[in-house]
Amino acid sequence: MDSVCEECTDAKRKYDSCFNKWFSERFLNGHTDLQQCDELFKTYQECLKKGLVDKKIDLGDMNRTVLGSEEDKLGEPKRPEKLG
């Protein structure tokens, strides 16, 4: 599958390939060390962030920690009210 930002598709495919290999060869055999794909993920993430900003998409929620928070425990996301 292509990335939502066309310019990031190559980085996404490299990360997907690494992740799928890790999942099938390591995770399914009880190993949870995903560090081998970290750099590929960071490269894709940075490309994606830039592409989304260029498309004027708000990244506010992308950098928000939810897991383990009160919001997560409540089960419903709290959306900030939009002004205007």
PDB file of N, CA and C in Angstrom:
ATOM      1  N   MET A   1       0.839  -1.165   0.000  1.00  0.00           N
ATOM      2  CA  MET A   1       0.000   0.000   0.000  1.00  0.00           C
ATOM      3  C   MET A   1       0.896   1.244   0.000  1.00  0.00           C
ATOM      4  N   ASP A   2       0.514   2.232  -0.766  1.00  0.00           N
ATOM      5  CA  ASP A   2       1.266   3.480  -0.828  1.00  0.00           C
ATOM      6  C   ASP A   2       1.017   4.317   0.420  1.00  0.00           C
ATOM      7  N   SER A   3       1.918   5.239   0.673  1.00  0.00           N
ATOM      8  CA  SER A   3       1.772   6.171   1.777  1.00  0.00           C
ATOM      9  C   SER A   3       0.731   7.227   1.415  1.00  0.00           C
ATOM     10  N   VAL A   4       0.160   7.864   2.424  1.00  0.00           N
ATOM     11  CA  VAL A   4      -0.780   8.962   2.168  1.00  0.00           C
ATOM     12  C   VAL A   4      -0.065  10.150   1.548  1.00  0.00           C
ATOM     13  N   CYS A   5       1.247  10.206   1.725  1.00  0.00           N
ATOM     14  CA  CYS A   5       2.079  11.231   1.082  1.00  0.00           C
ATOM     15  C   CYS A   5       2.939  10.525   0.043  1.00  0.00           C
ATOM     16  N   GLU A   6       2.652  10.771  -1.205  1.00  0.00           N
ATOM     17  CA  GLU A   6       3.314  10.058  -2.305  1.00  0.00           C
ATOM     18  C   GLU A   6       4.829  10.038  -2.168  1.00  0.00           C
ATOM     19  N   GLU A   7       5.414  11.156  -1.713  1.00  0.00           N
ATOM     20  CA  GLU A   7       6.864  11.255  -1.607  1.00  0.00           C
ATOM     21  C   GLU A   7       7.441  10.347  -0.515  1.00  0.00           C
ATOM     22  N   CYS A   8       6.578   9.769   0.320  1.00  0.00           N
ATOM     23  CA  CYS A   8       7.027   8.902   1.417  1.00  0.00           C
ATOM     24  C   CYS A   8       6.813   7.419   1.121  1.00  0.00           C
ATOM     25  N   THR A   9       6.291   7.096  -0.038  1.00  0.00           N
ATOM     26  CA  THR A   9       5.960   5.704  -0.347  1.00  0.00           C
ATOM     27  C   THR A   9       7.174   4.790  -0.279  1.00  0.00           C
ATOM     28  N   ASP A  10       8.318   5.230  -0.779  1.00  0.00           N
ATOM     29  CA  ASP A  10       9.513   4.382  -0.738  1.00  0.00           C
ATOM     30  C   ASP A  10       9.921   4.094   0.707  1.00  0.00           C
ATOM     31  N   ALA A  11       9.920   5.124   1.552  1.00  0.00           N
ATOM     32  CA  ALA A  11      10.272   4.941   2.965  1.00  0.00           C
ATOM     33  C   ALA A  11       9.268   4.023   3.651  1.00  0.00           C
ATOM     34  N   LYS A  12       7.987   4.150   3.325  1.00  0.00           N
ATOM     35  CA  LYS A  12       6.953   3.300   3.912  1.00  0.00           C
ATOM     36  C   LYS A  12       7.159   1.852   3.509  1.00  0.00           C
ATOM     37  N   ARG A  13       7.444   1.615   2.259  1.00  0.00           N
ATOM     38  CA  ARG A  13       7.645   0.236   1.783  1.00  0.00           C
ATOM     39  C   ARG A  13       8.855  -0.410   2.447  1.00  0.00           C
ATOM     40  N   LYS A  14       9.932   0.368   2.650  1.00  0.00           N
ATOM     41  CA  LYS A  14      11.110  -0.178   3.330  1.00  0.00           C
ATOM     42  C   LYS A  14      10.780  -0.542   4.774  1.00  0.00           C
ATOM     43  N   TYR A  15      10.073   0.344   5.456  1.00  0.00           N
ATOM     44  CA  TYR A  15       9.685   0.048   6.840  1.00  0.00           C
ATOM     45  C   TYR A  15       8.725  -1.139   6.890  1.00  0.00           C
ATOM     46  N   ASP A  16       7.713  -1.148   6.035  1.00  0.00           N
ATOM     47  CA  ASP A  16       6.752  -2.261   6.006  1.00  0.00           C
ATOM     48  C   ASP A  16       7.457  -3.596   5.790  1.00  0.00           C
ATOM     49  N   SER A  17       8.419  -3.610   4.884  1.00  0.00           N
ATOM     50  CA  SER A  17       9.161  -4.832   4.598  1.00  0.00           C
ATOM     51  C   SER A  17       9.930  -5.305   5.835  1.00  0.00           C
ATOM     52  N   CYS A  18      10.608  -4.368   6.499  1.00  0.00           N
ATOM     53  CA  CYS A  18      11.352  -4.692   7.713  1.00  0.00           C
ATOM     54  C   CYS A  18      10.398  -5.209   8.792  1.00  0.00           C
ATOM     55  N   PHE A  19       9.289  -4.507   8.995  1.00  0.00           N
ATOM     56  CA  PHE A  19       8.326  -4.896  10.024  1.00  0.00           C
ATOM     57  C   PHE A  19       7.747  -6.281   9.732  1.00  0.00           C
ATOM     58  N   ASN A  20       7.350  -6.519   8.486  1.00  0.00           N
ATOM     59  CA  ASN A  20       6.762  -7.817   8.142  1.00  0.00           C
ATOM     60  C   ASN A  20       7.758  -8.956   8.342  1.00  0.00           C
ATOM     61  N   LYS A  21       9.016  -8.713   7.999  1.00  0.00           N
ATOM     62  CA  LYS A  21      10.054  -9.719   8.210  1.00  0.00           C
ATOM     63  C   LYS A  21      10.241  -9.967   9.706  1.00  0.00           C
ATOM     64  N   TRP A  22      10.339  -8.889  10.489  1.00  0.00           N
ATOM     65  CA  TRP A  22      10.471  -9.014  11.935  1.00  0.00           C
ATOM     66  C   TRP A  22       9.283  -9.768  12.518  1.00  0.00           C
ATOM     67  N   PHE A  23       8.081  -9.411  12.108  1.00  0.00           N
ATOM     68  CA  PHE A  23       6.878 -10.033  12.644  1.00  0.00           C
ATOM     69  C   PHE A  23       6.856 -11.534  12.372  1.00  0.00           C
ATOM     70  N   SER A  24       7.123 -11.917  11.135  1.00  0.00           N
ATOM     71  CA  SER A  24       7.031 -13.332  10.771  1.00  0.00           C
ATOM     72  C   SER A  24       8.210 -14.163  11.279  1.00  0.00           C
ATOM     73  N   GLU A  25       9.408 -13.568  11.297  1.00  0.00           N
ATOM     74  CA  GLU A  25      10.589 -14.342  11.675  1.00  0.00           C
ATOM     75  C   GLU A  25      10.963 -14.226  13.154  1.00  0.00           C
ATOM     76  N   ARG A  26      10.607 -13.110  13.794  1.00  0.00           N
ATOM     77  CA  ARG A  26      11.024 -12.900  15.182  1.00  0.00           C
ATOM     78  C   ARG A  26       9.836 -12.924  16.153  1.00  0.00           C
ATOM     79  N   PHE A  27       8.872 -12.048  15.937  1.00  0.00           N
ATOM     80  CA  PHE A  27       7.771 -11.917  16.884  1.00  0.00           C
ATOM     81  C   PHE A  27       6.994 -13.212  17.044  1.00  0.00           C
ATOM     82  N   LEU A  28       6.660 -13.850  15.942  1.00  0.00           N
ATOM     83  CA  LEU A  28       5.904 -15.096  16.009  1.00  0.00           C
ATOM     84  C   LEU A  28       6.701 -16.234  16.641  1.00  0.00           C
ATOM     85  N   ASN A  29       8.004 -16.012  16.831  1.00  0.00           N
ATOM     86  CA  ASN A  29       8.853 -16.993  17.505  1.00  0.00           C
ATOM     87  C   ASN A  29       9.229 -16.526  18.910  1.00  0.00           C
ATOM     88  N   GLY A  30       8.489 -15.545  19.445  1.00  0.00           N
ATOM     89  CA  GLY A  30       8.661 -15.120  20.818  1.00  0.00           C
ATOM     90  C   GLY A  30       9.638 -13.994  21.067  1.00  0.00           C
ATOM     91  N   HIS A  31      10.192 -13.404  20.028  1.00  0.00           N
ATOM     92  CA  HIS A  31      11.138 -12.295  20.201  1.00  0.00           C
ATOM     93  C   HIS A  31      10.409 -10.966  19.991  1.00  0.00           C
ATOM     94  N   THR A  32      10.588 -10.044  20.915  1.00  0.00           N
ATOM     95  CA  THR A  32       9.869  -8.769  20.819  1.00  0.00           C
ATOM     96  C   THR A  32      10.797  -7.582  20.569  1.00  0.00           C
ATOM     97  N   ASP A  33      11.989  -7.835  20.100  1.00  0.00           N
ATOM     98  CA  ASP A  33      12.974  -6.780  19.832  1.00  0.00           C
ATOM     99  C   ASP A  33      12.780  -6.182  18.443  1.00  0.00           C
ATOM    100  N   LEU A  34      12.124  -5.043  18.367  1.00  0.00           N
ATOM    101  CA  LEU A  34      11.823  -4.415  17.077  1.00  0.00           C
ATOM    102  C   LEU A  34      12.857  -3.372  16.687  1.00  0.00           C
ATOM    103  N   GLN A  35      13.901  -3.189  17.473  1.00  0.00           N
ATOM    104  CA  GLN A  35      14.864  -2.128  17.226  1.00  0.00           C
ATOM    105  C   GLN A  35      15.467  -2.155  15.829  1.00  0.00           C
ATOM    106  N   GLN A  36      15.499  -3.290  15.187  1.00  0.00           N
ATOM    107  CA  GLN A  36      16.110  -3.373  13.857  1.00  0.00           C
ATOM    108  C   GLN A  36      15.392  -2.518  12.822  1.00  0.00           C
ATOM    109  N   CYS A  37      14.155  -2.140  13.084  1.00  0.00           N
ATOM    110  CA  CYS A  37      13.386  -1.320  12.142  1.00  0.00           C
ATOM    111  C   CYS A  37      13.263   0.135  12.593  1.00  0.00           C
ATOM    112  N   ASP A  38      13.853   0.483  13.725  1.00  0.00           N
ATOM    113  CA  ASP A  38      13.702   1.830  14.290  1.00  0.00           C
ATOM    114  C   ASP A  38      14.093   2.945  13.327  1.00  0.00           C
ATOM    115  N   GLU A  39      15.241   2.841  12.712  1.00  0.00           N
ATOM    116  CA  GLU A  39      15.704   3.911  11.828  1.00  0.00           C
ATOM    117  C   GLU A  39      14.805   4.065  10.607  1.00  0.00           C
ATOM    118  N   LEU A  40      14.340   2.951  10.071  1.00  0.00           N
ATOM    119  CA  LEU A  40      13.423   3.015   8.927  1.00  0.00           C
ATOM    120  C   LEU A  40      12.110   3.676   9.335  1.00  0.00           C
ATOM    121  N   PHE A  41      11.636   3.358  10.549  1.00  0.00           N
ATOM    122  CA  PHE A  41      10.404   3.968  11.037  1.00  0.00           C
ATOM    123  C   PHE A  41      10.591   5.469  11.215  1.00  0.00           C
ATOM    124  N   LYS A  42      11.702   5.884  11.820  1.00  0.00           N
ATOM    125  CA  LYS A  42      11.967   7.304  12.042  1.00  0.00           C
ATOM    126  C   LYS A  42      12.043   8.061  10.721  1.00  0.00           C
ATOM    127  N   THR A  43      12.677   7.467   9.735  1.00  0.00           N
ATOM    128  CA  THR A  43      12.786   8.094   8.410  1.00  0.00           C
ATOM    129  C   THR A  43      11.401   8.278   7.803  1.00  0.00           C
ATOM    130  N   TYR A  44      10.576   7.234   7.864  1.00  0.00           N
ATOM    131  CA  TYR A  44       9.218   7.315   7.316  1.00  0.00           C
ATOM    132  C   TYR A  44       8.388   8.327   8.102  1.00  0.00           C
ATOM    133  N   GLN A  45       8.488   8.303   9.427  1.00  0.00           N
ATOM    134  CA  GLN A  45       7.714   9.210  10.260  1.00  0.00           C
ATOM    135  C   GLN A  45       8.055  10.674   9.963  1.00  0.00           C
ATOM    136  N   GLU A  46       9.327  10.981   9.820  1.00  0.00           N
ATOM    137  CA  GLU A  46       9.732  12.356   9.523  1.00  0.00           C
ATOM    138  C   GLU A  46       9.224  12.806   8.151  1.00  0.00           C
ATOM    139  N   CYS A  47       9.317  11.924   7.180  1.00  0.00           N
ATOM    140  CA  CYS A  47       8.800  12.241   5.845  1.00  0.00           C
ATOM    141  C   CYS A  47       7.298  12.496   5.916  1.00  0.00           C
ATOM    142  N   LEU A  48       6.600  11.631   6.637  1.00  0.00           N
ATOM    143  CA  LEU A  48       5.152  11.747   6.751  1.00  0.00           C
ATOM    144  C   LEU A  48       4.754  13.036   7.462  1.00  0.00           C
ATOM    145  N   LYS A  49       5.447  13.373   8.546  1.00  0.00           N
ATOM    146  CA  LYS A  49       5.151  14.621   9.260  1.00  0.00           C
ATOM    147  C   LYS A  49       5.288  15.821   8.328  1.00  0.00           C
ATOM    148  N   LYS A  50       6.389  15.856   7.583  1.00  0.00           N
ATOM    149  CA  LYS A  50       6.613  16.969   6.660  1.00  0.00           C
ATOM    150  C   LYS A  50       5.528  17.006   5.587  1.00  0.00           C
ATOM    151  N   GLY A  51       5.195  15.858   5.046  1.00  0.00           N
ATOM    152  CA  GLY A  51       4.170  15.794   4.012  1.00  0.00           C
ATOM    153  C   GLY A  51       2.806  16.236   4.508  1.00  0.00           C
ATOM    154  N   LEU A  52       2.458  15.867   5.729  1.00  0.00           N
ATOM    155  CA  LEU A  52       1.166  16.259   6.287  1.00  0.00           C
ATOM    156  C   LEU A  52       1.119  17.749   6.588  1.00  0.00           C
ATOM    157  N   VAL A  53       2.232  18.294   7.077  1.00  0.00           N
ATOM    158  CA  VAL A  53       2.298  19.740   7.312  1.00  0.00           C
ATOM    159  C   VAL A  53       2.152  20.476   5.987  1.00  0.00           C
ATOM    160  N   ASP A  54       2.834  19.985   4.962  1.00  0.00           N
ATOM    161  CA  ASP A  54       2.741  20.602   3.640  1.00  0.00           C
ATOM    162  C   ASP A  54       1.300  20.579   3.118  1.00  0.00           C
ATOM    163  N   LYS A  55       0.544  19.556   3.520  1.00  0.00           N
ATOM    164  CA  LYS A  55      -0.860  19.446   3.099  1.00  0.00           C
ATOM    165  C   LYS A  55      -1.788  20.181   4.066  1.00  0.00           C
ATOM    166  N   LYS A  56      -1.175  20.873   5.041  1.00  0.00           N
ATOM    167  CA  LYS A  56      -1.915  21.657   6.033  1.00  0.00           C
ATOM    168  C   LYS A  56      -2.836  20.788   6.893  1.00  0.00           C
ATOM    169  N   ILE A  57      -2.344  19.615   7.274  1.00  0.00           N
ATOM    170  CA  ILE A  57      -3.072  18.718   8.164  1.00  0.00           C
ATOM    171  C   ILE A  57      -2.501  18.890   9.568  1.00  0.00           C
ATOM    172  N   ASP A  58      -3.373  19.135  10.550  1.00  0.00           N
ATOM    173  CA  ASP A  58      -2.962  19.375  11.932  1.00  0.00           C
ATOM    174  C   ASP A  58      -2.352  18.110  12.533  1.00  0.00           C
ATOM    175  N   LEU A  59      -1.141  18.247  13.056  1.00  0.00           N
ATOM    176  CA  LEU A  59      -0.448  17.108  13.653  1.00  0.00           C
ATOM    177  C   LEU A  59      -0.583  17.076  15.169  1.00  0.00           C
ATOM    178  N   GLY A  60      -1.420  17.917  15.734  1.00  0.00           N
ATOM    179  CA  GLY A  60      -1.562  17.998  17.187  1.00  0.00           C
ATOM    180  C   GLY A  60      -1.835  16.666  17.846  1.00  0.00           C
ATOM    181  N   ASP A  61      -2.771  15.906  17.352  1.00  0.00           N
ATOM    182  CA  ASP A  61      -3.104  14.619  17.957  1.00  0.00           C
ATOM    183  C   ASP A  61      -2.012  13.573  17.744  1.00  0.00           C
ATOM    184  N   MET A  62      -1.214  13.740  16.718  1.00  0.00           N
ATOM    185  CA  MET A  62      -0.193  12.749  16.410  1.00  0.00           C
ATOM    186  C   MET A  62       0.885  12.688  17.488  1.00  0.00           C
ATOM    187  N   ASN A  63       1.160  13.794  18.136  1.00  0.00           N
ATOM    188  CA  ASN A  63       2.210  13.842  19.143  1.00  0.00           C
ATOM    189  C   ASN A  63       1.681  13.705  20.564  1.00  0.00           C
ATOM    190  N   ARG A  64       0.406  13.434  20.705  1.00  0.00           N
ATOM    191  CA  ARG A  64      -0.237  13.334  22.010  1.00  0.00           C
ATOM    192  C   ARG A  64      -0.114  11.914  22.555  1.00  0.00           C
ATOM    193  N   THR A  65       0.232  11.796  23.830  1.00  0.00           N
ATOM    194  CA  THR A  65       0.295  10.490  24.479  1.00  0.00           C
ATOM    195  C   THR A  65      -1.087  10.151  25.018  1.00  0.00           C
ATOM    196  N   VAL A  66      -1.610   9.006  24.603  1.00  0.00           N
ATOM    197  CA  VAL A  66      -2.931   8.594  25.049  1.00  0.00           C
ATOM    198  C   VAL A  66      -2.845   7.308  25.869  1.00  0.00           C
ATOM    199  N   LEU A  67      -2.054   6.338  25.429  1.00  0.00           N
ATOM    200  CA  LEU A  67      -1.979   5.066  26.133  1.00  0.00           C
ATOM    201  C   LEU A  67      -1.551   5.260  27.576  1.00  0.00           C
ATOM    202  N   GLY A  68      -2.337   4.715  28.492  1.00  0.00           N
ATOM    203  CA  GLY A  68      -2.033   4.810  29.906  1.00  0.00           C
ATOM    204  C   GLY A  68      -2.507   6.095  30.559  1.00  0.00           C
ATOM    205  N   SER A  69      -3.065   7.009  29.781  1.00  0.00           N
ATOM    206  CA  SER A  69      -3.543   8.278  30.327  1.00  0.00           C
ATOM    207  C   SER A  69      -4.967   8.114  30.865  1.00  0.00           C
ATOM    208  N   GLU A  70      -5.444   9.141  31.562  1.00  0.00           N
ATOM    209  CA  GLU A  70      -6.830   9.120  32.039  1.00  0.00           C
ATOM    210  C   GLU A  70      -7.800   8.978  30.869  1.00  0.00           C
ATOM    211  N   GLU A  71      -7.493   9.655  29.778  1.00  0.00           N
ATOM    212  CA  GLU A  71      -8.335   9.580  28.577  1.00  0.00           C
ATOM    213  C   GLU A  71      -8.434   8.142  28.087  1.00  0.00           C
ATOM    214  N   ASP A  72      -7.330   7.431  28.109  1.00  0.00           N
ATOM    215  CA  ASP A  72      -7.298   6.036  27.680  1.00  0.00           C
ATOM    216  C   ASP A  72      -8.147   5.186  28.624  1.00  0.00           C
ATOM    217  N   LYS A  73      -8.038   5.438  29.908  1.00  0.00           N
ATOM    218  CA  LYS A  73      -8.780   4.662  30.904  1.00  0.00           C
ATOM    219  C   LYS A  73     -10.280   4.886  30.790  1.00  0.00           C
ATOM    220  N   LEU A  74     -10.680   6.091  30.336  1.00  0.00           N
ATOM    221  CA  LEU A  74     -12.093   6.392  30.170  1.00  0.00           C
ATOM    222  C   LEU A  74     -12.671   5.747  28.917  1.00  0.00           C
ATOM    223  N   GLY A  75     -11.810   5.430  27.964  1.00  0.00           N
ATOM    224  CA  GLY A  75     -12.257   4.753  26.754  1.00  0.00           C
ATOM    225  C   GLY A  75     -12.787   5.653  25.670  1.00  0.00           C
ATOM    226  N   GLU A  76     -12.924   6.942  25.921  1.00  0.00           N
ATOM    227  CA  GLU A  76     -13.419   7.864  24.911  1.00  0.00           C
ATOM    228  C   GLU A  76     -12.450   9.013  24.744  1.00  0.00           C
ATOM    229  N   PRO A  77     -12.046   9.301  23.502  1.00  0.00           N
ATOM    230  CA  PRO A  77     -11.132  10.425  23.299  1.00  0.00           C
ATOM    231  C   PRO A  77     -11.822  11.749  23.566  1.00  0.00           C
ATOM    232  N   LYS A  78     -11.076  12.646  24.191  1.00  0.00           N
ATOM    233  CA  LYS A  78     -11.579  13.999  24.398  1.00  0.00           C
ATOM    234  C   LYS A  78     -11.070  14.850  23.265  1.00  0.00           C
ATOM    235  N   ARG A  79     -11.943  15.395  22.492  1.00  0.00           N
ATOM    236  CA  ARG A  79     -11.580  16.230  21.357  1.00  0.00           C
ATOM    237  C   ARG A  79     -11.574  17.687  21.778  1.00  0.00           C
ATOM    238  N   PRO A  80     -10.528  18.423  21.424  1.00  0.00           N
ATOM    239  CA  PRO A  80     -10.554  19.848  21.743  1.00  0.00           C
ATOM    240  C   PRO A  80     -11.653  20.539  20.935  1.00  0.00           C
ATOM    241  N   GLU A  81     -12.281  21.499  21.576  1.00  0.00           N
ATOM    242  CA  GLU A  81     -13.324  22.250  20.876  1.00  0.00           C
ATOM    243  C   GLU A  81     -12.677  23.151  19.839  1.00  0.00           C
ATOM    244  N   LYS A  82     -13.292  23.222  18.680  1.00  0.00           N
ATOM    245  CA  LYS A  82     -12.777  24.070  17.616  1.00  0.00           C
ATOM    246  C   LYS A  82     -13.296  25.479  17.817  1.00  0.00           C
ATOM    247  N   LEU A  83     -12.421  26.421  17.598  1.00  0.00           N
ATOM    248  CA  LEU A  83     -12.808  27.817  17.723  1.00  0.00           C
ATOM    249  C   LEU A  83     -13.484  28.291  16.450  1.00  0.00           C
ATOM    250  N   GLY A  84     -14.414  29.206  16.607  1.00  0.00           N
ATOM    251  CA  GLY A  84     -15.015  29.828  15.444  1.00  0.00           C
ATOM    252  C   GLY A  84     -16.150  29.082  14.961  1.00  0.00           C
TER     253      GLY A  84
END
